[in-house]
Amino acid sequence: ELDPDKRIVGINLTASQKWETKNWPIESIAKLCDMLAKKNVRVVITGMDRDKDLARELMAKTSSKPALLVGKTDLLQLAAVIKRCNVFVTPDSAPMHIAAAVGTPFVAFFGPTDLERHLPPAQKFFVFRKLLPCSPCYSSRCKITTHDCMRTITPEEVLGKVEEFLGEETA
């Protein structure tokens, strides 16, 4: 049950099986979950059935206990969950497009893909993209093995953007 008075931030775990390079590191997601919980924000984790192992890893790395909806929603239920979120955090993925479609402000991560080609039309969003010589690479495996396009996006800077969107609602 999602308290109607509670601020809710959704976090989507992964992009797709083929595109592991699109994913933000699980340690960063865990840290963001804990920072949001300290600010009295309820975190809801979304993902596909195949993300359940990653969700267990996330739960082991967080001191807060986000609500896990990984593998528990069909497409319409996922859209309803994203619509209920005050902000949605996601890699370049189908749920990012759903957030845009239902009008939920979102924070998206772009590294291996080009936002000019893949960003959906949306009212309120912010894209984190590190300008690196190797990005966008359109590779499903990091060719230089550092995965800096995603790894260098910090939980602190993501929290700052999430808080901006949350603040706009109460202003």
C-alpha atoms as a PDB file:
ATOM      1  CA  GLU A   1       0.000   0.000   0.000  1.00  0.00           C
ATOM      2  CA  LEU A   2       1.396   3.384  -1.018  1.00  0.00           C
ATOM      3  CA  ASP A   3       0.458   6.139   1.414  1.00  0.00           C
ATOM      4  CA  PRO A   4      -1.261   8.899  -0.615  1.00  0.00           C
ATOM      5  CA  ASP A   5       0.428  11.607   1.492  1.00  0.00           C
ATOM      6  CA  LYS A   6       3.927  10.174   1.175  1.00  0.00           C
ATOM      7  CA  ARG A   7       6.408  11.400  -1.416  1.00  0.00           C
ATOM      8  CA  ILE A   8       7.358   8.471  -3.642  1.00  0.00           C
ATOM      9  CA  VAL A   9      10.386   8.087  -5.870  1.00  0.00           C
ATOM     10  CA  GLY A  10      10.474   5.139  -8.246  1.00  0.00           C
ATOM     11  CA  ILE A  11      13.788   3.666  -9.308  1.00  0.00           C
ATOM     12  CA  ASN A  12      13.993   1.310 -12.270  1.00  0.00           C
ATOM     13  CA  LEU A  13      16.805  -1.230 -11.833  1.00  0.00           C
ATOM     14  CA  THR A  14      17.805  -2.051 -15.399  1.00  0.00           C
ATOM     15  CA  ALA A  15      17.318  -1.193 -19.048  1.00  0.00           C
ATOM     16  CA  SER A  16      17.266  -4.571 -20.782  1.00  0.00           C
ATOM     17  CA  GLN A  17      19.089  -7.875 -20.844  1.00  0.00           C
ATOM     18  CA  LYS A  18      20.997  -6.880 -23.974  1.00  0.00           C
ATOM     19  CA  TRP A  19      22.007  -3.467 -22.625  1.00  0.00           C
ATOM     20  CA  GLU A  20      23.851  -4.001 -19.361  1.00  0.00           C
ATOM     21  CA  THR A  21      25.944  -0.938 -20.217  1.00  0.00           C
ATOM     22  CA  LYS A  22      22.858   1.279 -19.794  1.00  0.00           C
ATOM     23  CA  ASN A  23      22.511   0.302 -16.147  1.00  0.00           C
ATOM     24  CA  TRP A  24      23.521   2.517 -13.243  1.00  0.00           C
ATOM     25  CA  PRO A  25      25.674   0.566 -10.731  1.00  0.00           C
ATOM     26  CA  ILE A  26      23.693  -1.224  -7.998  1.00  0.00           C
ATOM     27  CA  GLU A  27      25.883   0.401  -5.315  1.00  0.00           C
ATOM     28  CA  SER A  28      24.784   3.829  -6.559  1.00  0.00           C
ATOM     29  CA  ILE A  29      21.124   2.795  -6.507  1.00  0.00           C
ATOM     30  CA  ALA A  30      21.523   1.482  -2.941  1.00  0.00           C
ATOM     31  CA  LYS A  31      23.118   4.719  -1.773  1.00  0.00           C
ATOM     32  CA  LEU A  32      20.374   6.806  -3.413  1.00  0.00           C
ATOM     33  CA  CYS A  33      17.710   4.637  -1.720  1.00  0.00           C
ATOM     34  CA  ASP A  34      19.271   5.258   1.696  1.00  0.00           C
ATOM     35  CA  MET A  35      19.696   9.008   1.108  1.00  0.00           C
ATOM     36  CA  LEU A  36      16.054   9.337   0.011  1.00  0.00           C
ATOM     37  CA  ALA A  37      14.811   7.296   2.992  1.00  0.00           C
ATOM     38  CA  LYS A  38      16.636   9.694   5.342  1.00  0.00           C
ATOM     39  CA  LYS A  39      14.621  12.507   3.747  1.00  0.00           C
ATOM     40  CA  ASN A  40      11.351  10.678   4.457  1.00  0.00           C
ATOM     41  CA  VAL A  41      10.821   9.691   0.818  1.00  0.00           C
ATOM     42  CA  ARG A  42       9.351   6.258   0.064  1.00  0.00           C
ATOM     43  CA  VAL A  43      11.347   4.447  -2.616  1.00  0.00           C
ATOM     44  CA  VAL A  44       9.725   1.932  -4.955  1.00  0.00           C
ATOM     45  CA  ILE A  45      11.988  -0.333  -7.022  1.00  0.00           C
ATOM     46  CA  THR A  46      10.711  -1.510 -10.398  1.00  0.00           C
ATOM     47  CA  GLY A  47      12.150  -4.070 -12.745  1.00  0.00           C
ATOM     48  CA  MET A  48      11.480  -7.220 -14.672  1.00  0.00           C
ATOM     49  CA  ASP A  49      11.227 -10.762 -13.368  1.00  0.00           C
ATOM     50  CA  ARG A  50      14.802 -11.441 -14.482  1.00  0.00           C
ATOM     51  CA  ASP A  51      15.993  -8.567 -12.216  1.00  0.00           C
ATOM     52  CA  LYS A  52      15.059 -10.411  -9.001  1.00  0.00           C
ATOM     53  CA  ASP A  53      18.655 -11.441  -8.213  1.00  0.00           C
ATOM     54  CA  LEU A  54      19.782  -7.851  -8.669  1.00  0.00           C
ATOM     55  CA  ALA A  55      16.906  -6.708  -6.421  1.00  0.00           C
ATOM     56  CA  ARG A  56      18.118  -9.115  -3.699  1.00  0.00           C
ATOM     57  CA  GLU A  57      21.628  -7.697  -4.094  1.00  0.00           C
ATOM     58  CA  LEU A  58      20.181  -4.183  -3.751  1.00  0.00           C
ATOM     59  CA  MET A  59      18.332  -5.103  -0.567  1.00  0.00           C
ATOM     60  CA  ALA A  60      21.543  -6.507   0.904  1.00  0.00           C
ATOM     61  CA  LYS A  61      23.340  -3.222   0.164  1.00  0.00           C
ATOM     62  CA  THR A  62      20.722  -0.823   1.600  1.00  0.00           C
ATOM     63  CA  SER A  63      19.979  -0.025   5.203  1.00  0.00           C
ATOM     64  CA  SER A  64      16.597   1.376   4.138  1.00  0.00           C
ATOM     65  CA  LYS A  65      14.013  -1.040   2.859  1.00  0.00           C
ATOM     66  CA  PRO A  66      12.558   0.180  -0.431  1.00  0.00           C
ATOM     67  CA  ALA A  67       9.311  -1.344  -1.677  1.00  0.00           C
ATOM     68  CA  LEU A  68      10.173  -4.048  -4.200  1.00  0.00           C
ATOM     69  CA  LEU A  69       7.863  -4.364  -7.187  1.00  0.00           C
ATOM     70  CA  VAL A  70      10.448  -6.167  -9.318  1.00  0.00           C
ATOM     71  CA  GLY A  71       8.697  -8.774 -11.469  1.00  0.00           C
ATOM     72  CA  LYS A  72       5.345  -8.001  -9.827  1.00  0.00           C
ATOM     73  CA  THR A  73       3.705  -5.733 -12.390  1.00  0.00           C
ATOM     74  CA  ASP A  74       2.410  -6.073 -15.901  1.00  0.00           C
ATOM     75  CA  LEU A  75       2.753  -3.127 -18.266  1.00  0.00           C
ATOM     76  CA  LEU A  76      -0.467  -1.359 -17.204  1.00  0.00           C
ATOM     77  CA  GLN A  77       0.292  -1.840 -13.494  1.00  0.00           C
ATOM     78  CA  LEU A  78       3.810  -0.493 -14.057  1.00  0.00           C
ATOM     79  CA  ALA A  79       2.325   2.577 -15.764  1.00  0.00           C
ATOM     80  CA  ALA A  80       0.000   3.102 -12.760  1.00  0.00           C
ATOM     81  CA  VAL A  81       2.938   2.783 -10.324  1.00  0.00           C
ATOM     82  CA  ILE A  82       5.060   5.233 -12.332  1.00  0.00           C
ATOM     83  CA  LYS A  83       2.126   7.669 -12.525  1.00  0.00           C
ATOM     84  CA  ARG A  84       1.846   7.540  -8.697  1.00  0.00           C
ATOM     85  CA  CYS A  85       5.560   8.386  -8.285  1.00  0.00           C
ATOM     86  CA  ASN A  86       6.506  12.006  -7.679  1.00  0.00           C
ATOM     87  CA  VAL A  87       9.767  11.351  -9.566  1.00  0.00           C
ATOM     88  CA  PHE A  88      11.038   8.317 -11.486  1.00  0.00           C
ATOM     89  CA  VAL A  89      14.750   7.471 -11.825  1.00  0.00           C
ATOM     90  CA  THR A  90      15.738   5.200 -14.698  1.00  0.00           C
ATOM     91  CA  PRO A  91      18.305   4.270 -17.304  1.00  0.00           C
ATOM     92  CA  ASP A  92      17.364   4.748 -20.975  1.00  0.00           C
ATOM     93  CA  SER A  93      14.566   2.137 -21.001  1.00  0.00           C
ATOM     94  CA  ALA A  94      10.920   1.396 -21.748  1.00  0.00           C
ATOM     95  CA  PRO A  95       9.870   2.583 -18.251  1.00  0.00           C
ATOM     96  CA  MET A  96      11.489   5.962 -19.045  1.00  0.00           C
ATOM     97  CA  HIS A  97       9.101   6.222 -22.008  1.00  0.00           C
ATOM     98  CA  ILE A  98       6.195   5.230 -19.744  1.00  0.00           C
ATOM     99  CA  ALA A  99       7.146   8.010 -17.273  1.00  0.00           C
ATOM    100  CA  ALA A 100       7.121  10.498 -20.156  1.00  0.00           C
ATOM    101  CA  ALA A 101       3.736   9.177 -21.355  1.00  0.00           C
ATOM    102  CA  VAL A 102       2.054   9.401 -17.930  1.00  0.00           C
ATOM    103  CA  GLY A 103       3.593  12.802 -17.144  1.00  0.00           C
ATOM    104  CA  THR A 104       5.797  11.792 -14.215  1.00  0.00           C
ATOM    105  CA  PRO A 105       8.981  13.859 -13.887  1.00  0.00           C
ATOM    106  CA  PHE A 106      11.968  11.599 -14.516  1.00  0.00           C
ATOM    107  CA  VAL A 107      15.712  11.523 -14.106  1.00  0.00           C
ATOM    108  CA  ALA A 108      17.319   9.420 -16.834  1.00  0.00           C
ATOM    109  CA  PHE A 109      20.808   8.046 -17.369  1.00  0.00           C
ATOM    110  CA  PHE A 110      22.337   8.020 -20.839  1.00  0.00           C
ATOM    111  CA  GLY A 111      25.785   6.603 -21.551  1.00  0.00           C
ATOM    112  CA  PRO A 112      26.069   4.061 -24.344  1.00  0.00           C
ATOM    113  CA  THR A 113      23.105   5.502 -26.249  1.00  0.00           C
ATOM    114  CA  ASP A 114      22.398   8.943 -27.668  1.00  0.00           C
ATOM    115  CA  LEU A 115      19.713  10.997 -25.962  1.00  0.00           C
ATOM    116  CA  GLU A 116      19.095  12.928 -29.191  1.00  0.00           C
ATOM    117  CA  ARG A 117      17.803   9.676 -30.712  1.00  0.00           C
ATOM    118  CA  HIS A 118      16.109   8.026 -27.734  1.00  0.00           C
ATOM    119  CA  LEU A 119      14.777  10.650 -25.339  1.00  0.00           C
ATOM    120  CA  PRO A 120      10.958  10.735 -25.433  1.00  0.00           C
ATOM    121  CA  PRO A 121       9.064  14.019 -25.552  1.00  0.00           C
ATOM    122  CA  ALA A 122       8.310  14.946 -21.937  1.00  0.00           C
ATOM    123  CA  GLN A 123       7.339  17.905 -19.770  1.00  0.00           C
ATOM    124  CA  LYS A 124       9.699  17.517 -16.810  1.00  0.00           C
ATOM    125  CA  PHE A 125      12.882  15.533 -16.948  1.00  0.00           C
ATOM    126  CA  PHE A 126      16.609  15.717 -16.422  1.00  0.00           C
ATOM    127  CA  VAL A 127      19.226  13.624 -18.200  1.00  0.00           C
ATOM    128  CA  PHE A 128      22.550  12.660 -16.696  1.00  0.00           C
ATOM    129  CA  ARG A 129      25.096  12.096 -19.414  1.00  0.00           C
ATOM    130  CA  LYS A 130      28.839  12.276 -18.928  1.00  0.00           C
ATOM    131  CA  LEU A 131      30.558  13.660 -21.988  1.00  0.00           C
ATOM    132  CA  LEU A 132      33.217  11.053 -22.629  1.00  0.00           C
ATOM    133  CA  PRO A 133      35.106  10.393 -25.873  1.00  0.00           C
ATOM    134  CA  CYS A 134      33.703   6.832 -25.958  1.00  0.00           C
ATOM    135  CA  SER A 135      30.050   7.823 -25.455  1.00  0.00           C
ATOM    136  CA  PRO A 136      27.700   7.019 -27.074  1.00  0.00           C
ATOM    137  CA  CYS A 137      29.241   3.696 -28.062  1.00  0.00           C
ATOM    138  CA  TYR A 138      26.095   1.639 -28.763  1.00  0.00           C
ATOM    139  CA  SER A 139      27.864  -1.369 -27.308  1.00  0.00           C
ATOM    140  CA  SER A 140      26.235  -3.860 -24.952  1.00  0.00           C
ATOM    141  CA  ARG A 141      29.629  -4.393 -23.264  1.00  0.00           C
ATOM    142  CA  CYS A 142      31.954  -1.575 -22.176  1.00  0.00           C
ATOM    143  CA  LYS A 143      34.880  -1.668 -24.568  1.00  0.00           C
ATOM    144  CA  ILE A 144      37.222   0.119 -22.165  1.00  0.00           C
ATOM    145  CA  THR A 145      35.851  -1.868 -19.171  1.00  0.00           C
ATOM    146  CA  THR A 146      35.536   1.096 -16.810  1.00  0.00           C
ATOM    147  CA  HIS A 147      31.858   1.825 -17.523  1.00  0.00           C
ATOM    148  CA  ASP A 148      32.624   5.462 -16.640  1.00  0.00           C
ATOM    149  CA  CYS A 149      29.594   6.763 -18.540  1.00  0.00           C
ATOM    150  CA  MET A 150      27.410   5.311 -15.769  1.00  0.00           C
ATOM    151  CA  ARG A 151      29.838   4.906 -12.869  1.00  0.00           C
ATOM    152  CA  THR A 152      30.731   8.617 -12.748  1.00  0.00           C
ATOM    153  CA  ILE A 153      27.091   9.656 -12.189  1.00  0.00           C
ATOM    154  CA  THR A 154      26.998  10.081  -8.417  1.00  0.00           C
ATOM    155  CA  PRO A 155      24.077   9.342  -6.087  1.00  0.00           C
ATOM    156  CA  GLU A 156      24.566  12.840  -4.624  1.00  0.00           C
ATOM    157  CA  GLU A 157      24.015  14.604  -7.955  1.00  0.00           C
ATOM    158  CA  VAL A 158      20.994  12.400  -8.715  1.00  0.00           C
ATOM    159  CA  LEU A 159      19.561  13.177  -5.254  1.00  0.00           C
ATOM    160  CA  GLY A 160      19.974  16.888  -6.006  1.00  0.00           C
ATOM    161  CA  LYS A 161      17.872  16.621  -9.170  1.00  0.00           C
ATOM    162  CA  VAL A 162      15.242  14.416  -7.484  1.00  0.00           C
ATOM    163  CA  GLU A 163      14.960  16.973  -4.670  1.00  0.00           C
ATOM    164  CA  GLU A 164      14.533  19.772  -7.220  1.00  0.00           C
ATOM    165  CA  PHE A 165      11.546  17.955  -8.736  1.00  0.00           C
ATOM    166  CA  LEU A 166      10.114  17.152  -5.284  1.00  0.00           C
ATOM    167  CA  GLY A 167      10.556  20.807  -4.258  1.00  0.00           C
ATOM    168  CA  GLU A 168       8.708  22.066  -7.333  1.00  0.00           C
ATOM    169  CA  GLU A 169       5.653  20.115  -6.232  1.00  0.00           C
ATOM    170  CA  THR A 170       5.452  21.792  -2.824  1.00  0.00           C
ATOM    171  CA  ALA A 171       6.301  25.271  -4.130  1.00  0.00           C
END
